[in-house]
């Protein structure tokens, strides 16, 4: 299970057993960076308008993701370079 743990105004995403799926084929090249980040754990800011959606700062940019605990999947919705 992805562990959303309270940490200031965000949460901590960490999991080794969730699939990471790009919602767009153009995002496929960003999957490995995001997988490495959630394997070691990464702070995330919840979207105040959408349940289980988060902004995540990565080494080379920002990811917008949707976490589906019931499917053990994280969907990479969007990515923006720093």
PDB file of N, CA and C in Angstrom:
ATOM      1  N   UNK A   1       0.846  -1.186   0.000  1.00  0.00           N
ATOM      2  CA  UNK A   1       0.000   0.000   0.000  1.00  0.00           C
ATOM      3  C   UNK A   1       0.882   1.235   0.000  1.00  0.00           C
ATOM      4  N   UNK A   2       0.516   2.219  -0.792  1.00  0.00           N
ATOM      5  CA  UNK A   2       1.196   3.512  -0.758  1.00  0.00           C
ATOM      6  C   UNK A   2       0.864   4.113   0.596  1.00  0.00           C
ATOM      7  N   UNK A   3       1.864   4.608   1.273  1.00  0.00           N
ATOM      8  CA  UNK A   3       1.669   5.089   2.627  1.00  0.00           C
ATOM      9  C   UNK A   3       1.524   6.596   2.663  1.00  0.00           C
ATOM     10  N   UNK A   4       0.289   7.116   2.671  1.00  0.00           N
ATOM     11  CA  UNK A   4       0.126   8.558   2.846  1.00  0.00           C
ATOM     12  C   UNK A   4       0.266   8.907   4.318  1.00  0.00           C
ATOM     13  N   UNK A   5       1.376   9.461   4.682  1.00  0.00           N
ATOM     14  CA  UNK A   5       1.656   9.820   6.064  1.00  0.00           C
ATOM     15  C   UNK A   5       1.657  11.339   6.188  1.00  0.00           C
ATOM     16  N   UNK A   6       0.977  11.860   7.149  1.00  0.00           N
ATOM     17  CA  UNK A   6       0.918  13.309   7.333  1.00  0.00           C
ATOM     18  C   UNK A   6       2.325  13.875   7.486  1.00  0.00           C
ATOM     19  N   UNK A   7       2.608  14.906   6.732  1.00  0.00           N
ATOM     20  CA  UNK A   7       3.906  15.568   6.822  1.00  0.00           C
ATOM     21  C   UNK A   7       3.692  17.011   6.355  1.00  0.00           C
ATOM     22  N   UNK A   8       3.597  17.924   7.298  1.00  0.00           N
ATOM     23  CA  UNK A   8       3.326  19.321   7.009  1.00  0.00           C
ATOM     24  C   UNK A   8       2.045  19.438   6.188  1.00  0.00           C
ATOM     25  N   UNK A   9       2.092  20.086   5.000  1.00  0.00           N
ATOM     26  CA  UNK A   9       0.893  20.238   4.188  1.00  0.00           C
ATOM     27  C   UNK A   9       0.819  19.188   3.093  1.00  0.00           C
ATOM     28  N   UNK A  10       1.701  18.201   3.133  1.00  0.00           N
ATOM     29  CA  UNK A  10       1.735  17.162   2.117  1.00  0.00           C
ATOM     30  C   UNK A  10       1.711  15.781   2.738  1.00  0.00           C
ATOM     31  N   UNK A  11       2.007  14.792   1.910  1.00  0.00           N
ATOM     32  CA  UNK A  11       2.086  13.414   2.371  1.00  0.00           C
ATOM     33  C   UNK A  11       3.382  12.796   1.851  1.00  0.00           C
ATOM     34  N   UNK A  12       3.654  11.591   2.283  1.00  0.00           N
ATOM     35  CA  UNK A  12       4.840  10.847   1.855  1.00  0.00           C
ATOM     36  C   UNK A  12       4.352   9.662   1.030  1.00  0.00           C
ATOM     37  N   UNK A  13       4.755   9.589  -0.251  1.00  0.00           N
ATOM     38  CA  UNK A  13       4.405   8.446  -1.095  1.00  0.00           C
ATOM     39  C   UNK A  13       5.590   7.499  -1.140  1.00  0.00           C
ATOM     40  N   UNK A  14       5.336   6.253  -0.787  1.00  0.00           N
ATOM     41  CA  UNK A  14       6.395   5.256  -0.859  1.00  0.00           C
ATOM     42  C   UNK A  14       5.780   3.888  -1.077  1.00  0.00           C
ATOM     43  N   UNK A  15       6.285   3.175  -2.067  1.00  0.00           N
ATOM     44  CA  UNK A  15       5.827   1.823  -2.338  1.00  0.00           C
ATOM     45  C   UNK A  15       6.794   1.131  -3.275  1.00  0.00           C
ATOM     46  N   UNK A  16       6.958  -0.163  -3.069  1.00  0.00           N
ATOM     47  CA  UNK A  16       7.794  -0.951  -3.958  1.00  0.00           C
ATOM     48  C   UNK A  16       6.960  -1.902  -4.809  1.00  0.00           C
ATOM     49  N   UNK A  17       5.673  -2.015  -4.529  1.00  0.00           N
ATOM     50  CA  UNK A  17       4.885  -3.021  -5.229  1.00  0.00           C
ATOM     51  C   UNK A  17       3.707  -2.454  -6.023  1.00  0.00           C
ATOM     52  N   UNK A  18       3.726  -1.178  -6.328  1.00  0.00           N
ATOM     53  CA  UNK A  18       2.674  -0.586  -7.142  1.00  0.00           C
ATOM     54  C   UNK A  18       3.156  -0.469  -8.583  1.00  0.00           C
ATOM     55  N   UNK A  19       2.274  -0.755  -9.516  1.00  0.00           N
ATOM     56  CA  UNK A  19       2.585  -0.533 -10.926  1.00  0.00           C
ATOM     57  C   UNK A  19       2.469   0.957 -11.209  1.00  0.00           C
ATOM     58  N   UNK A  20       3.345   1.477 -12.050  1.00  0.00           N
ATOM     59  CA  UNK A  20       3.264   2.872 -12.475  1.00  0.00           C
ATOM     60  C   UNK A  20       2.903   2.854 -13.960  1.00  0.00           C
ATOM     61  N   UNK A  21       1.778   3.491 -14.289  1.00  0.00           N
ATOM     62  CA  UNK A  21       1.236   3.438 -15.637  1.00  0.00           C
ATOM     63  C   UNK A  21       1.082   4.853 -16.182  1.00  0.00           C
ATOM     64  N   UNK A  22       1.648   5.133 -17.371  1.00  0.00           N
ATOM     65  CA  UNK A  22       1.443   6.448 -17.972  1.00  0.00           C
ATOM     66  C   UNK A  22       0.059   6.518 -18.616  1.00  0.00           C
ATOM     67  N   UNK A  23      -0.645   7.620 -18.447  1.00  0.00           N
ATOM     68  CA  UNK A  23      -1.952   7.770 -19.096  1.00  0.00           C
ATOM     69  C   UNK A  23      -1.819   8.186 -20.557  1.00  0.00           C
ATOM     70  N   UNK A  24      -0.614   8.555 -20.948  1.00  0.00           N
ATOM     71  CA  UNK A  24      -0.348   8.989 -22.313  1.00  0.00           C
ATOM     72  C   UNK A  24       0.972   8.362 -22.731  1.00  0.00           C
ATOM     73  N   UNK A  25       1.069   7.843 -23.939  1.00  0.00           N
ATOM     74  CA  UNK A  25       2.296   7.184 -24.387  1.00  0.00           C
ATOM     75  C   UNK A  25       3.500   8.125 -24.375  1.00  0.00           C
ATOM     76  N   UNK A  26       3.273   9.427 -24.476  1.00  0.00           N
ATOM     77  CA  UNK A  26       4.369  10.398 -24.430  1.00  0.00           C
ATOM     78  C   UNK A  26       5.005  10.485 -23.045  1.00  0.00           C
ATOM     79  N   UNK A  27       4.326   9.982 -22.024  1.00  0.00           N
ATOM     80  CA  UNK A  27       4.844  10.001 -20.654  1.00  0.00           C
ATOM     81  C   UNK A  27       5.651   8.753 -20.313  1.00  0.00           C
ATOM     82  N   UNK A  28       5.686   7.778 -21.193  1.00  0.00           N
ATOM     83  CA  UNK A  28       6.353   6.499 -20.914  1.00  0.00           C
ATOM     84  C   UNK A  28       7.822   6.687 -20.536  1.00  0.00           C
ATOM     85  N   UNK A  29       8.500   7.650 -21.116  1.00  0.00           N
ATOM     86  CA  UNK A  29       9.905   7.900 -20.812  1.00  0.00           C
ATOM     87  C   UNK A  29      10.141   8.469 -19.427  1.00  0.00           C
ATOM     88  N   UNK A  30       9.114   8.864 -18.730  1.00  0.00           N
ATOM     89  CA  UNK A  30       9.238   9.448 -17.387  1.00  0.00           C
ATOM     90  C   UNK A  30       8.944   8.442 -16.276  1.00  0.00           C
ATOM     91  N   UNK A  31       8.518   7.246 -16.632  1.00  0.00           N
ATOM     92  CA  UNK A  31       8.104   6.249 -15.652  1.00  0.00           C
ATOM     93  C   UNK A  31       9.244   5.850 -14.721  1.00  0.00           C
ATOM     94  N   UNK A  32      10.431   5.581 -15.265  1.00  0.00           N
ATOM     95  CA  UNK A  32      11.522   5.076 -14.418  1.00  0.00           C
ATOM     96  C   UNK A  32      11.926   6.092 -13.351  1.00  0.00           C
ATOM     97  N   UNK A  33      11.932   7.385 -13.689  1.00  0.00           N
ATOM     98  CA  UNK A  33      12.272   8.418 -12.703  1.00  0.00           C
ATOM     99  C   UNK A  33      11.259   8.412 -11.561  1.00  0.00           C
ATOM    100  N   UNK A  34       9.977   8.301 -11.913  1.00  0.00           N
ATOM    101  CA  UNK A  34       8.943   8.292 -10.882  1.00  0.00           C
ATOM    102  C   UNK A  34       8.988   7.003 -10.061  1.00  0.00           C
ATOM    103  N   UNK A  35       9.222   5.854 -10.696  1.00  0.00           N
ATOM    104  CA  UNK A  35       9.319   4.591  -9.953  1.00  0.00           C
ATOM    105  C   UNK A  35      10.448   4.633  -8.931  1.00  0.00           C
ATOM    106  N   UNK A  36      11.597   5.157  -9.338  1.00  0.00           N
ATOM    107  CA  UNK A  36      12.720   5.278  -8.388  1.00  0.00           C
ATOM    108  C   UNK A  36      12.332   6.174  -7.209  1.00  0.00           C
ATOM    109  N   UNK A  37      11.627   7.257  -7.498  1.00  0.00           N
ATOM    110  CA  UNK A  37      11.233   8.200  -6.444  1.00  0.00           C
ATOM    111  C   UNK A  37      10.303   7.551  -5.430  1.00  0.00           C
ATOM    112  N   UNK A  38       9.286   6.810  -5.877  1.00  0.00           N
ATOM    113  CA  UNK A  38       8.359   6.224  -4.900  1.00  0.00           C
ATOM    114  C   UNK A  38       8.941   4.995  -4.216  1.00  0.00           C
ATOM    115  N   UNK A  39       9.953   4.368  -4.803  1.00  0.00           N
ATOM    116  CA  UNK A  39      10.610   3.256  -4.119  1.00  0.00           C
ATOM    117  C   UNK A  39      11.373   3.743  -2.900  1.00  0.00           C
ATOM    118  N   UNK A  40      12.013   4.911  -3.018  1.00  0.00           N
ATOM    119  CA  UNK A  40      12.757   5.443  -1.865  1.00  0.00           C
ATOM    120  C   UNK A  40      11.871   6.333  -0.995  1.00  0.00           C
ATOM    121  N   UNK A  41      10.754   6.791  -1.536  1.00  0.00           N
ATOM    122  CA  UNK A  41       9.841   7.673  -0.821  1.00  0.00           C
ATOM    123  C   UNK A  41      10.021   9.099  -1.286  1.00  0.00           C
ATOM    124  N   UNK A  42       8.910   9.794  -1.448  1.00  0.00           N
ATOM    125  CA  UNK A  42       8.954  11.149  -1.975  1.00  0.00           C
ATOM    126  C   UNK A  42       7.784  11.955  -1.395  1.00  0.00           C
ATOM    127  N   UNK A  43       8.031  13.224  -1.038  1.00  0.00           N
ATOM    128  CA  UNK A  43       6.913  14.052  -0.566  1.00  0.00           C
ATOM    129  C   UNK A  43       5.975  14.393  -1.721  1.00  0.00           C
ATOM    130  N   UNK A  44       4.708  14.494  -1.413  1.00  0.00           N
ATOM    131  CA  UNK A  44       3.700  14.809  -2.422  1.00  0.00           C
ATOM    132  C   UNK A  44       2.676  15.779  -1.837  1.00  0.00           C
ATOM    133  N   UNK A  45       2.163  16.641  -2.690  1.00  0.00           N
ATOM    134  CA  UNK A  45       1.137  17.607  -2.279  1.00  0.00           C
ATOM    135  C   UNK A  45      -0.211  17.157  -2.832  1.00  0.00           C
ATOM    136  N   UNK A  46      -1.180  16.912  -1.959  1.00  0.00           N
ATOM    137  CA  UNK A  46      -2.496  16.487  -2.434  1.00  0.00           C
ATOM    138  C   UNK A  46      -3.198  17.586  -3.235  1.00  0.00           C
ATOM    139  N   UNK A  47      -3.931  17.178  -4.258  1.00  0.00           N
ATOM    140  CA  UNK A  47      -4.769  18.089  -5.030  1.00  0.00           C
ATOM    141  C   UNK A  47      -6.022  18.345  -4.187  1.00  0.00           C
ATOM    142  N   UNK A  48      -6.279  19.570  -3.864  1.00  0.00           N
ATOM    143  CA  UNK A  48      -7.419  19.890  -2.996  1.00  0.00           C
ATOM    144  C   UNK A  48      -8.769  19.696  -3.685  1.00  0.00           C
ATOM    145  N   UNK A  49      -8.776  19.506  -4.999  1.00  0.00           N
ATOM    146  CA  UNK A  49     -10.028  19.351  -5.738  1.00  0.00           C
ATOM    147  C   UNK A  49     -10.299  17.918  -6.184  1.00  0.00           C
ATOM    148  N   UNK A  50      -9.295  17.057  -6.118  1.00  0.00           N
ATOM    149  CA  UNK A  50      -9.461  15.679  -6.593  1.00  0.00           C
ATOM    150  C   UNK A  50      -8.875  14.708  -5.563  1.00  0.00           C
ATOM    151  N   UNK A  51      -9.672  13.771  -5.151  1.00  0.00           N
ATOM    152  CA  UNK A  51      -9.263  12.753  -4.182  1.00  0.00           C
ATOM    153  C   UNK A  51      -8.229  11.805  -4.800  1.00  0.00           C
ATOM    154  N   UNK A  52      -7.153  11.545  -4.080  1.00  0.00           N
ATOM    155  CA  UNK A  52      -6.088  10.623  -4.484  1.00  0.00           C
ATOM    156  C   UNK A  52      -5.258  11.092  -5.678  1.00  0.00           C
ATOM    157  N   UNK A  53      -5.234  12.397  -5.933  1.00  0.00           N
ATOM    158  CA  UNK A  53      -4.363  12.987  -6.951  1.00  0.00           C
ATOM    159  C   UNK A  53      -3.316  13.826  -6.231  1.00  0.00           C
ATOM    160  N   UNK A  54      -2.071  13.798  -6.745  1.00  0.00           N
ATOM    161  CA  UNK A  54      -0.963  14.460  -6.058  1.00  0.00           C
ATOM    162  C   UNK A  54       0.007  15.101  -7.045  1.00  0.00           C
ATOM    163  N   UNK A  55       0.627  16.194  -6.613  1.00  0.00           N
ATOM    164  CA  UNK A  55       1.770  16.796  -7.298  1.00  0.00           C
ATOM    165  C   UNK A  55       3.011  16.284  -6.596  1.00  0.00           C
ATOM    166  N   UNK A  56       3.984  15.826  -7.390  1.00  0.00           N
ATOM    167  CA  UNK A  56       5.208  15.254  -6.829  1.00  0.00           C
ATOM    168  C   UNK A  56       6.406  15.922  -7.487  1.00  0.00           C
ATOM    169  N   UNK A  57       7.290  16.487  -6.670  1.00  0.00           N
ATOM    170  CA  UNK A  57       8.516  17.068  -7.206  1.00  0.00           C
ATOM    171  C   UNK A  57       9.549  15.959  -7.371  1.00  0.00           C
ATOM    172  N   UNK A  58      10.085  15.851  -8.594  1.00  0.00           N
ATOM    173  CA  UNK A  58      11.100  14.853  -8.911  1.00  0.00           C
ATOM    174  C   UNK A  58      12.416  15.546  -9.200  1.00  0.00           C
ATOM    175  N   UNK A  59      13.470  14.765  -9.451  1.00  0.00           N
ATOM    176  CA  UNK A  59      14.791  15.339  -9.720  1.00  0.00           C
ATOM    177  C   UNK A  59      14.785  16.263 -10.929  1.00  0.00           C
ATOM    178  N   UNK A  60      14.053  15.875 -11.971  1.00  0.00           N
ATOM    179  CA  UNK A  60      14.085  16.627 -13.232  1.00  0.00           C
ATOM    180  C   UNK A  60      12.789  17.340 -13.580  1.00  0.00           C
ATOM    181  N   UNK A  61      11.842  17.360 -12.667  1.00  0.00           N
ATOM    182  CA  UNK A  61      10.584  18.025 -12.976  1.00  0.00           C
ATOM    183  C   UNK A  61       9.505  17.734 -11.950  1.00  0.00           C
ATOM    184  N   UNK A  62       8.258  17.923 -12.373  1.00  0.00           N
ATOM    185  CA  UNK A  62       7.093  17.706 -11.527  1.00  0.00           C
ATOM    186  C   UNK A  62       6.191  16.675 -12.181  1.00  0.00           C
ATOM    187  N   UNK A  63       5.607  15.804 -11.370  1.00  0.00           N
ATOM    188  CA  UNK A  63       4.646  14.822 -11.863  1.00  0.00           C
ATOM    189  C   UNK A  63       3.307  15.065 -11.188  1.00  0.00           C
ATOM    190  N   UNK A  64       2.256  14.833 -11.935  1.00  0.00           N
ATOM    191  CA  UNK A  64       0.896  14.862 -11.399  1.00  0.00           C
ATOM    192  C   UNK A  64       0.404  13.432 -11.511  1.00  0.00           C
ATOM    193  N   UNK A  65       0.024  12.827 -10.382  1.00  0.00           N
ATOM    194  CA  UNK A  65      -0.303  11.404 -10.375  1.00  0.00           C
ATOM    195  C   UNK A  65      -1.637  11.139  -9.687  1.00  0.00           C
ATOM    196  N   UNK A  66      -2.197   9.988 -10.013  1.00  0.00           N
ATOM    197  CA  UNK A  66      -3.410   9.493  -9.358  1.00  0.00           C
ATOM    198  C   UNK A  66      -3.078   8.138  -8.759  1.00  0.00           C
ATOM    199  N   UNK A  67      -3.322   7.963  -7.467  1.00  0.00           N
ATOM    200  CA  UNK A  67      -3.027   6.717  -6.766  1.00  0.00           C
ATOM    201  C   UNK A  67      -4.311   5.913  -6.606  1.00  0.00           C
ATOM    202  N   UNK A  68      -4.274   4.664  -7.088  1.00  0.00           N
ATOM    203  CA  UNK A  68      -5.403   3.743  -6.923  1.00  0.00           C
ATOM    204  C   UNK A  68      -4.955   2.605  -6.019  1.00  0.00           C
ATOM    205  N   UNK A  69      -5.184   2.749  -4.711  1.00  0.00           N
ATOM    206  CA  UNK A  69      -4.777   1.718  -3.769  1.00  0.00           C
ATOM    207  C   UNK A  69      -5.455   0.377  -4.064  1.00  0.00           C
ATOM    208  N   UNK A  70      -6.738   0.420  -4.454  1.00  0.00           N
ATOM    209  CA  UNK A  70      -7.460  -0.831  -4.704  1.00  0.00           C
ATOM    210  C   UNK A  70      -6.876  -1.613  -5.881  1.00  0.00           C
ATOM    211  N   UNK A  71      -6.240  -0.927  -6.829  1.00  0.00           N
ATOM    212  CA  UNK A  71      -5.630  -1.583  -7.994  1.00  0.00           C
ATOM    213  C   UNK A  71      -4.108  -1.656  -7.863  1.00  0.00           C
ATOM    214  N   UNK A  72      -3.558  -1.168  -6.772  1.00  0.00           N
ATOM    215  CA  UNK A  72      -2.115  -1.091  -6.542  1.00  0.00           C
ATOM    216  C   UNK A  72      -1.408  -0.488  -7.760  1.00  0.00           C
ATOM    217  N   UNK A  73      -1.945   0.652  -8.186  1.00  0.00           N
ATOM    218  CA  UNK A  73      -1.441   1.324  -9.375  1.00  0.00           C
ATOM    219  C   UNK A  73      -1.345   2.818  -9.135  1.00  0.00           C
ATOM    220  N   UNK A  74      -0.290   3.414  -9.677  1.00  0.00           N
ATOM    221  CA  UNK A  74      -0.143   4.861  -9.698  1.00  0.00           C
ATOM    222  C   UNK A  74      -0.150   5.272 -11.161  1.00  0.00           C
ATOM    223  N   UNK A  75      -1.063   6.158 -11.525  1.00  0.00           N
ATOM    224  CA  UNK A  75      -1.161   6.640 -12.899  1.00  0.00           C
ATOM    225  C   UNK A  75      -0.416   7.957 -13.031  1.00  0.00           C
ATOM    226  N   UNK A  76       0.522   8.004 -13.949  1.00  0.00           N
ATOM    227  CA  UNK A  76       1.219   9.247 -14.251  1.00  0.00           C
ATOM    228  C   UNK A  76       0.342  10.018 -15.238  1.00  0.00           C
ATOM    229  N   UNK A  77      -0.266  11.086 -14.743  1.00  0.00           N
ATOM    230  CA  UNK A  77      -1.228  11.861 -15.516  1.00  0.00           C
ATOM    231  C   UNK A  77      -0.531  12.931 -16.352  1.00  0.00           C
ATOM    232  N   UNK A  78       0.459  13.616 -15.758  1.00  0.00           N
ATOM    233  CA  UNK A  78       1.151  14.697 -16.452  1.00  0.00           C
ATOM    234  C   UNK A  78       2.558  14.843 -15.883  1.00  0.00           C
ATOM    235  N   UNK A  79       3.439  15.434 -16.673  1.00  0.00           N
ATOM    236  CA  UNK A  79       4.812  15.654 -16.254  1.00  0.00           C
ATOM    237  C   UNK A  79       5.263  16.981 -16.827  1.00  0.00           C
ATOM    238  N   UNK A  80       5.970  17.757 -16.012  1.00  0.00           N
ATOM    239  CA  UNK A  80       6.505  19.035 -16.442  1.00  0.00           C
ATOM    240  C   UNK A  80       7.983  19.101 -16.075  1.00  0.00           C
ATOM    241  N   UNK A  81       8.817  19.445 -17.031  1.00  0.00           N
ATOM    242  CA  UNK A  81      10.254  19.583 -16.754  1.00  0.00           C
ATOM    243  C   UNK A  81      10.511  20.799 -15.887  1.00  0.00           C
ATOM    244  N   UNK A  82      11.556  20.709 -15.049  1.00  0.00           N
ATOM    245  CA  UNK A  82      11.923  21.834 -14.170  1.00  0.00           C
ATOM    246  C   UNK A  82      12.417  22.995 -14.982  1.00  0.00           C
TER     247      UNK A  82
END
